Amino acid sequence: MTDKITDPVALWQKMIGEMEKGFNSFATKAMETPEFSQAVNRAGGVAAGAQKQFSDLMEKYLLSLNLPSREQMTGIAERLQAIEGQIGEIKSMLRQMSATPGEKQIGAALRPPRTRRPPSEGGEQK
């Protein structure tokens, strides 16, 4: 087993650990100051403003290309879902109306009428 004093890996680990402790204490002290929180708030405000400006610019660009924006596509998708729901209800009502009085329909498709007869004893179909 090697001696920990002359082990380069142990020395490296100790040096990195001391650097981390120093950096953590410095960062903790820096974050406690009011100037730091003000700077973070300003940076967040600037980022939000830039994002809003970019969004407005992109919407104008899409409008100039005669393409729908994200909000317009969302509106179209919502209307399409509502229409699909209404069509589903209409189909369900039509199935119920077209079912024979004695037949119960529970979400199943209509079956074709059975018009084929089993072959007669002579092997011919009627």
N, C-alpha and C. Protein backbone atom coordinates (compact mmCIF):
# COMPACT_ATOMS: atom_id res chain seq x y z
N MET A 1 0.85 -1.17 0.00
CA MET A 1 0.00 0.00 0.00
C MET A 1 0.89 1.23 0.00
N THR A 2 0.51 2.24 -0.79
CA THR A 2 1.37 3.42 -0.89
C THR A 2 1.07 4.39 0.23
N ASP A 3 2.06 5.21 0.54
CA ASP A 3 1.91 6.20 1.59
C ASP A 3 1.02 7.33 1.08
N LYS A 4 0.07 7.80 1.90
CA LYS A 4 -0.87 8.84 1.46
C LYS A 4 -0.18 10.18 1.22
N ILE A 5 0.96 10.40 1.83
CA ILE A 5 1.67 11.68 1.65
C ILE A 5 2.27 11.75 0.25
N THR A 6 2.78 10.65 -0.25
CA THR A 6 3.42 10.66 -1.56
C THR A 6 2.50 10.17 -2.67
N ASP A 7 1.26 9.82 -2.34
CA ASP A 7 0.31 9.34 -3.35
C ASP A 7 -0.22 10.54 -4.15
N PRO A 8 0.06 10.62 -5.47
CA PRO A 8 -0.37 11.79 -6.24
C PRO A 8 -1.89 11.89 -6.36
N VAL A 9 -2.60 10.76 -6.38
CA VAL A 9 -4.05 10.80 -6.48
C VAL A 9 -4.64 11.38 -5.21
N ALA A 10 -4.13 11.01 -4.06
CA ALA A 10 -4.63 11.53 -2.78
C ALA A 10 -4.35 13.02 -2.69
N LEU A 11 -3.16 13.45 -3.13
CA LEU A 11 -2.84 14.88 -3.11
C LEU A 11 -3.78 15.66 -4.03
N TRP A 12 -4.06 15.10 -5.18
CA TRP A 12 -4.97 15.74 -6.14
C TRP A 12 -6.38 15.86 -5.56
N GLN A 13 -6.86 14.79 -4.94
CA GLN A 13 -8.19 14.81 -4.34
C GLN A 13 -8.28 15.85 -3.21
N LYS A 14 -7.22 15.94 -2.41
CA LYS A 14 -7.20 16.91 -1.31
C LYS A 14 -7.21 18.33 -1.87
N MET A 15 -6.43 18.58 -2.93
CA MET A 15 -6.36 19.90 -3.52
C MET A 15 -7.72 20.29 -4.10
N ILE A 16 -8.38 19.38 -4.81
CA ILE A 16 -9.69 19.65 -5.39
C ILE A 16 -10.71 19.92 -4.29
N GLY A 17 -10.68 19.15 -3.22
CA GLY A 17 -11.60 19.34 -2.09
C GLY A 17 -11.44 20.72 -1.47
N GLU A 18 -10.19 21.16 -1.29
CA GLU A 18 -9.95 22.49 -0.71
C GLU A 18 -10.43 23.59 -1.65
N MET A 19 -10.24 23.40 -2.94
CA MET A 19 -10.71 24.39 -3.92
C MET A 19 -12.24 24.48 -3.89
N GLU A 20 -12.91 23.34 -3.79
CA GLU A 20 -14.37 23.33 -3.74
C GLU A 20 -14.88 24.06 -2.50
N LYS A 21 -14.24 23.81 -1.36
CA LYS A 21 -14.66 24.48 -0.13
C LYS A 21 -14.50 25.99 -0.26
N GLY A 22 -13.38 26.43 -0.82
CA GLY A 22 -13.15 27.87 -1.00
C GLY A 22 -14.16 28.49 -1.95
N PHE A 23 -14.43 27.82 -3.05
CA PHE A 23 -15.39 28.35 -4.02
C PHE A 23 -16.79 28.40 -3.42
N ASN A 24 -17.18 27.37 -2.68
CA ASN A 24 -18.51 27.34 -2.06
C ASN A 24 -18.68 28.48 -1.05
N SER A 25 -17.65 28.73 -0.23
CA SER A 25 -17.76 29.82 0.74
C SER A 25 -17.83 31.17 0.04
N PHE A 26 -17.06 31.36 -1.02
CA PHE A 26 -17.10 32.61 -1.78
C PHE A 26 -18.47 32.81 -2.42
N ALA A 27 -19.01 31.75 -3.05
CA ALA A 27 -20.31 31.85 -3.71
C ALA A 27 -21.42 32.11 -2.70
N THR A 28 -21.34 31.51 -1.53
CA THR A 28 -22.35 31.72 -0.50
C THR A 28 -22.35 33.18 -0.05
N LYS A 29 -21.16 33.72 0.18
CA LYS A 29 -21.07 35.13 0.59
C LYS A 29 -21.58 36.05 -0.52
N ALA A 30 -21.27 35.74 -1.78
CA ALA A 30 -21.70 36.59 -2.89
C ALA A 30 -23.21 36.55 -3.06
N MET A 31 -23.82 35.40 -2.85
CA MET A 31 -25.26 35.29 -3.03
C MET A 31 -26.04 35.93 -1.90
N GLU A 32 -25.42 36.17 -0.77
CA GLU A 32 -26.12 36.81 0.34
C GLU A 32 -26.25 38.31 0.16
N THR A 33 -25.51 38.90 -0.75
CA THR A 33 -25.55 40.35 -0.93
C THR A 33 -26.79 40.76 -1.72
N PRO A 34 -27.34 41.95 -1.45
CA PRO A 34 -28.50 42.43 -2.20
C PRO A 34 -28.16 42.75 -3.66
N GLU A 35 -26.92 43.11 -3.93
CA GLU A 35 -26.53 43.40 -5.31
C GLU A 35 -26.67 42.16 -6.20
N PHE A 36 -26.34 40.99 -5.63
CA PHE A 36 -26.45 39.75 -6.40
C PHE A 36 -27.90 39.48 -6.78
N SER A 37 -28.81 39.61 -5.81
CA SER A 37 -30.22 39.34 -6.10
C SER A 37 -30.77 40.36 -7.09
N GLN A 38 -30.33 41.61 -7.00
CA GLN A 38 -30.78 42.61 -7.97
C GLN A 38 -30.27 42.27 -9.37
N ALA A 39 -29.04 41.82 -9.47
CA ALA A 39 -28.48 41.45 -10.77
C ALA A 39 -29.22 40.26 -11.37
N VAL A 40 -29.55 39.29 -10.53
CA VAL A 40 -30.29 38.12 -11.02
C VAL A 40 -31.68 38.54 -11.49
N ASN A 41 -32.35 39.43 -10.74
CA ASN A 41 -33.68 39.90 -11.14
C ASN A 41 -33.61 40.68 -12.45
N ARG A 42 -32.59 41.51 -12.61
CA ARG A 42 -32.45 42.26 -13.87
C ARG A 42 -32.21 41.32 -15.04
N ALA A 43 -31.36 40.31 -14.82
CA ALA A 43 -31.07 39.35 -15.89
C ALA A 43 -32.33 38.59 -16.27
N GLY A 44 -33.14 38.21 -15.29
CA GLY A 44 -34.39 37.52 -15.58
C GLY A 44 -35.37 38.41 -16.34
N GLY A 45 -35.44 39.67 -15.96
CA GLY A 45 -36.31 40.62 -16.65
C GLY A 45 -35.88 40.84 -18.09
N VAL A 46 -34.58 40.95 -18.30
CA VAL A 46 -34.06 41.14 -19.65
C VAL A 46 -34.36 39.91 -20.50
N ALA A 47 -34.16 38.73 -19.94
CA ALA A 47 -34.43 37.49 -20.69
C ALA A 47 -35.91 37.38 -21.05
N ALA A 48 -36.79 37.73 -20.12
CA ALA A 48 -38.23 37.66 -20.39
C ALA A 48 -38.62 38.67 -21.47
N GLY A 49 -38.06 39.86 -21.40
CA GLY A 49 -38.34 40.87 -22.42
C GLY A 49 -37.85 40.45 -23.79
N ALA A 50 -36.66 39.86 -23.83
CA ALA A 50 -36.12 39.40 -25.11
C ALA A 50 -36.97 38.28 -25.69
N GLN A 51 -37.44 37.39 -24.85
CA GLN A 51 -38.29 36.29 -25.32
C GLN A 51 -39.61 36.82 -25.87
N LYS A 52 -40.22 37.80 -25.20
CA LYS A 52 -41.46 38.40 -25.67
C LYS A 52 -41.24 39.10 -27.00
N GLN A 53 -40.14 39.84 -27.10
CA GLN A 53 -39.83 40.55 -28.35
C GLN A 53 -39.60 39.56 -29.49
N PHE A 54 -38.90 38.48 -29.22
CA PHE A 54 -38.66 37.47 -30.25
C PHE A 54 -39.97 36.81 -30.67
N SER A 55 -40.85 36.55 -29.72
CA SER A 55 -42.14 35.94 -30.03
C SER A 55 -42.97 36.87 -30.93
N ASP A 56 -42.99 38.15 -30.60
CA ASP A 56 -43.72 39.11 -31.43
C ASP A 56 -43.13 39.19 -32.82
N LEU A 57 -41.81 39.22 -32.90
CA LEU A 57 -41.13 39.29 -34.19
C LEU A 57 -41.43 38.05 -35.03
N MET A 58 -41.42 36.87 -34.41
CA MET A 58 -41.70 35.62 -35.13
C MET A 58 -43.14 35.60 -35.63
N GLU A 59 -44.08 36.10 -34.82
CA GLU A 59 -45.47 36.13 -35.24
C GLU A 59 -45.65 37.04 -36.45
N LYS A 60 -44.97 38.19 -36.44
CA LYS A 60 -45.05 39.10 -37.58
C LYS A 60 -44.42 38.47 -38.82
N TYR A 61 -43.33 37.75 -38.62
CA TYR A 61 -42.67 37.09 -39.75
C TYR A 61 -43.58 36.02 -40.36
N LEU A 62 -44.19 35.20 -39.52
CA LEU A 62 -45.10 34.17 -40.02
C LEU A 62 -46.31 34.80 -40.71
N LEU A 63 -46.79 35.91 -40.18
CA LEU A 63 -47.91 36.61 -40.79
C LEU A 63 -47.52 37.11 -42.18
N SER A 64 -46.29 37.62 -42.33
CA SER A 64 -45.86 38.11 -43.64
C SER A 64 -45.71 36.97 -44.65
N LEU A 65 -45.41 35.77 -44.16
CA LEU A 65 -45.31 34.60 -45.04
C LEU A 65 -46.66 33.92 -45.25
N ASN A 66 -47.72 34.49 -44.65
CA ASN A 66 -49.06 33.94 -44.73
C ASN A 66 -49.13 32.53 -44.13
N LEU A 67 -48.43 32.36 -42.98
CA LEU A 67 -48.44 31.09 -42.25
C LEU A 67 -49.08 31.33 -40.89
N PRO A 68 -49.75 30.32 -40.32
CA PRO A 68 -50.38 30.50 -39.02
C PRO A 68 -49.36 30.51 -37.88
N SER A 69 -49.68 31.25 -36.83
CA SER A 69 -48.82 31.29 -35.65
C SER A 69 -49.16 30.11 -34.75
N ARG A 70 -48.41 29.97 -33.67
CA ARG A 70 -48.65 28.87 -32.73
C ARG A 70 -50.04 28.98 -32.10
N GLU A 71 -50.45 30.19 -31.74
CA GLU A 71 -51.76 30.39 -31.14
C GLU A 71 -52.87 30.02 -32.13
N GLN A 72 -52.69 30.40 -33.38
CA GLN A 72 -53.70 30.08 -34.38
C GLN A 72 -53.79 28.57 -34.59
N MET A 73 -52.64 27.88 -34.62
CA MET A 73 -52.66 26.43 -34.78
C MET A 73 -53.31 25.74 -33.59
N THR A 74 -53.08 26.27 -32.40
CA THR A 74 -53.72 25.72 -31.21
C THR A 74 -55.24 25.89 -31.30
N GLY A 75 -55.69 27.06 -31.75
CA GLY A 75 -57.12 27.31 -31.92
C GLY A 75 -57.73 26.37 -32.94
N ILE A 76 -57.01 26.15 -34.05
CA ILE A 76 -57.50 25.24 -35.09
C ILE A 76 -57.61 23.82 -34.53
N ALA A 77 -56.61 23.39 -33.76
CA ALA A 77 -56.62 22.03 -33.20
C ALA A 77 -57.79 21.86 -32.23
N GLU A 78 -58.08 22.88 -31.42
CA GLU A 78 -59.19 22.80 -30.47
C GLU A 78 -60.53 22.72 -31.21
N ARG A 79 -60.68 23.53 -32.25
CA ARG A 79 -61.93 23.48 -33.03
C ARG A 79 -62.08 22.14 -33.71
N LEU A 80 -60.98 21.59 -34.23
CA LEU A 80 -61.03 20.29 -34.91
C LEU A 80 -61.43 19.19 -33.94
N GLN A 81 -60.92 19.22 -32.71
CA GLN A 81 -61.31 18.23 -31.72
C GLN A 81 -62.80 18.33 -31.39
N ALA A 82 -63.31 19.56 -31.31
CA ALA A 82 -64.74 19.74 -31.03
C ALA A 82 -65.58 19.18 -32.18
N ILE A 83 -65.15 19.43 -33.40
CA ILE A 83 -65.88 18.92 -34.57
C ILE A 83 -65.85 17.39 -34.58
N GLU A 84 -64.69 16.79 -34.30
CA GLU A 84 -64.59 15.33 -34.26
C GLU A 84 -65.50 14.74 -33.20
N GLY A 85 -65.60 15.41 -32.06
CA GLY A 85 -66.50 14.94 -31.01
C GLY A 85 -67.95 14.98 -31.46
N GLN A 86 -68.32 16.05 -32.14
CA GLN A 86 -69.69 16.16 -32.64
C GLN A 86 -69.99 15.09 -33.69
N ILE A 87 -69.01 14.83 -34.56
CA ILE A 87 -69.21 13.77 -35.57
C ILE A 87 -69.38 12.42 -34.91
N GLY A 88 -68.60 12.15 -33.86
CA GLY A 88 -68.75 10.90 -33.13
C GLY A 88 -70.13 10.75 -32.53
N GLU A 89 -70.66 11.84 -31.97
CA GLU A 89 -72.01 11.80 -31.41
C GLU A 89 -73.05 11.55 -32.49
N ILE A 90 -72.88 12.18 -33.65
CA ILE A 90 -73.82 11.99 -34.76
C ILE A 90 -73.79 10.54 -35.23
N LYS A 91 -72.58 9.96 -35.35
CA LYS A 91 -72.46 8.55 -35.75
C LYS A 91 -73.18 7.65 -34.76
N SER A 92 -72.99 7.92 -33.49
CA SER A 92 -73.63 7.10 -32.46
C SER A 92 -75.15 7.18 -32.57
N MET A 93 -75.67 8.39 -32.78
CA MET A 93 -77.12 8.54 -32.92
C MET A 93 -77.63 7.83 -34.17
N LEU A 94 -76.89 7.90 -35.27
CA LEU A 94 -77.30 7.23 -36.50
C LEU A 94 -77.31 5.72 -36.32
N ARG A 95 -76.34 5.17 -35.61
CA ARG A 95 -76.32 3.73 -35.35
C ARG A 95 -77.54 3.32 -34.55
N GLN A 96 -77.88 4.11 -33.55
CA GLN A 96 -79.03 3.79 -32.72
C GLN A 96 -80.33 3.88 -33.51
N MET A 97 -80.41 4.85 -34.41
CA MET A 97 -81.63 5.03 -35.21
C MET A 97 -81.77 3.92 -36.25
N SER A 98 -80.65 3.44 -36.80
CA SER A 98 -80.73 2.44 -37.86
C SER A 98 -80.81 1.01 -37.33
N ALA A 99 -80.63 0.81 -36.06
CA ALA A 99 -80.72 -0.53 -35.48
C ALA A 99 -82.17 -1.00 -35.50
N THR A 100 -82.33 -2.30 -35.72
CA THR A 100 -83.68 -2.86 -35.71
C THR A 100 -84.21 -2.83 -34.29
N PRO A 101 -85.54 -2.78 -34.11
CA PRO A 101 -86.11 -2.64 -32.77
C PRO A 101 -85.67 -3.72 -31.79
N GLY A 102 -85.53 -4.95 -32.22
CA GLY A 102 -85.17 -6.02 -31.30
C GLY A 102 -83.67 -6.14 -31.09
N GLU A 103 -82.89 -5.47 -31.91
CA GLU A 103 -81.44 -5.64 -31.86
C GLU A 103 -80.83 -4.57 -30.95
N LYS A 104 -79.92 -4.97 -30.11
CA LYS A 104 -79.26 -4.02 -29.23
C LYS A 104 -77.88 -3.71 -29.82
N GLN A 105 -77.57 -2.44 -29.89
CA GLN A 105 -76.26 -2.02 -30.39
C GLN A 105 -75.48 -1.44 -29.23
N ILE A 106 -74.35 -1.99 -28.95
CA ILE A 106 -73.51 -1.47 -27.88
C ILE A 106 -72.14 -1.19 -28.48
N GLY A 107 -72.01 -0.11 -29.20
CA GLY A 107 -70.74 0.31 -29.74
C GLY A 107 -70.18 -0.58 -30.83
N ALA A 108 -70.93 -1.54 -31.31
CA ALA A 108 -70.43 -2.44 -32.34
C ALA A 108 -70.90 -1.96 -33.70
N ALA A 109 -70.16 -2.31 -34.73
CA ALA A 109 -70.55 -1.94 -36.09
C ALA A 109 -71.71 -2.82 -36.53
N LEU A 110 -72.49 -2.32 -37.48
CA LEU A 110 -73.62 -3.10 -37.99
C LEU A 110 -73.11 -4.31 -38.74
N ARG A 111 -73.81 -5.43 -38.58
CA ARG A 111 -73.44 -6.64 -39.29
C ARG A 111 -74.29 -6.76 -40.56
N PRO A 112 -73.71 -7.27 -41.62
CA PRO A 112 -74.50 -7.44 -42.84
C PRO A 112 -75.54 -8.54 -42.63
N PRO A 113 -76.65 -8.47 -43.36
CA PRO A 113 -77.69 -9.50 -43.20
C PRO A 113 -77.18 -10.84 -43.71
N ARG A 114 -77.60 -11.90 -43.10
CA ARG A 114 -77.19 -13.25 -43.51
C ARG A 114 -78.14 -13.74 -44.58
N THR A 115 -77.73 -13.64 -45.83
CA THR A 115 -78.59 -14.03 -46.95
C THR A 115 -78.19 -15.38 -47.53
N ARG A 116 -77.03 -15.88 -47.22
CA ARG A 116 -76.61 -17.18 -47.77
C ARG A 116 -77.25 -18.30 -46.97
N ARG A 117 -77.66 -19.30 -47.69
CA ARG A 117 -78.27 -20.47 -47.07
C ARG A 117 -77.29 -21.63 -47.15
N PRO A 118 -77.35 -22.54 -46.21
CA PRO A 118 -76.47 -23.71 -46.28
C PRO A 118 -76.83 -24.55 -47.50
N PRO A 119 -75.89 -25.26 -48.06
CA PRO A 119 -76.18 -26.07 -49.26
C PRO A 119 -77.23 -27.14 -48.93
N SER A 120 -78.02 -27.42 -49.94
CA SER A 120 -79.06 -28.46 -49.78
C SER A 120 -78.39 -29.83 -49.86
N GLU A 121 -79.18 -30.84 -49.73
CA GLU A 121 -78.61 -32.19 -49.74
C GLU A 121 -77.99 -32.54 -51.06
N GLY A 122 -78.42 -31.91 -52.14
CA GLY A 122 -77.89 -32.19 -53.46
C GLY A 122 -76.58 -31.43 -53.70
N GLY A 123 -76.14 -30.57 -52.80
CA GLY A 123 -74.92 -29.83 -52.97
C GLY A 123 -75.10 -28.50 -53.67
N GLU A 124 -76.34 -28.13 -53.96
CA GLU A 124 -76.60 -26.87 -54.63
C GLU A 124 -77.03 -25.84 -53.60
N GLN A 125 -76.70 -24.58 -53.94
CA GLN A 125 -77.16 -23.49 -53.08
C GLN A 125 -78.40 -22.87 -53.68
N LYS A 126 -79.31 -22.45 -52.85
CA LYS A 126 -80.55 -21.83 -53.35
C LYS A 126 -80.45 -20.35 -53.25
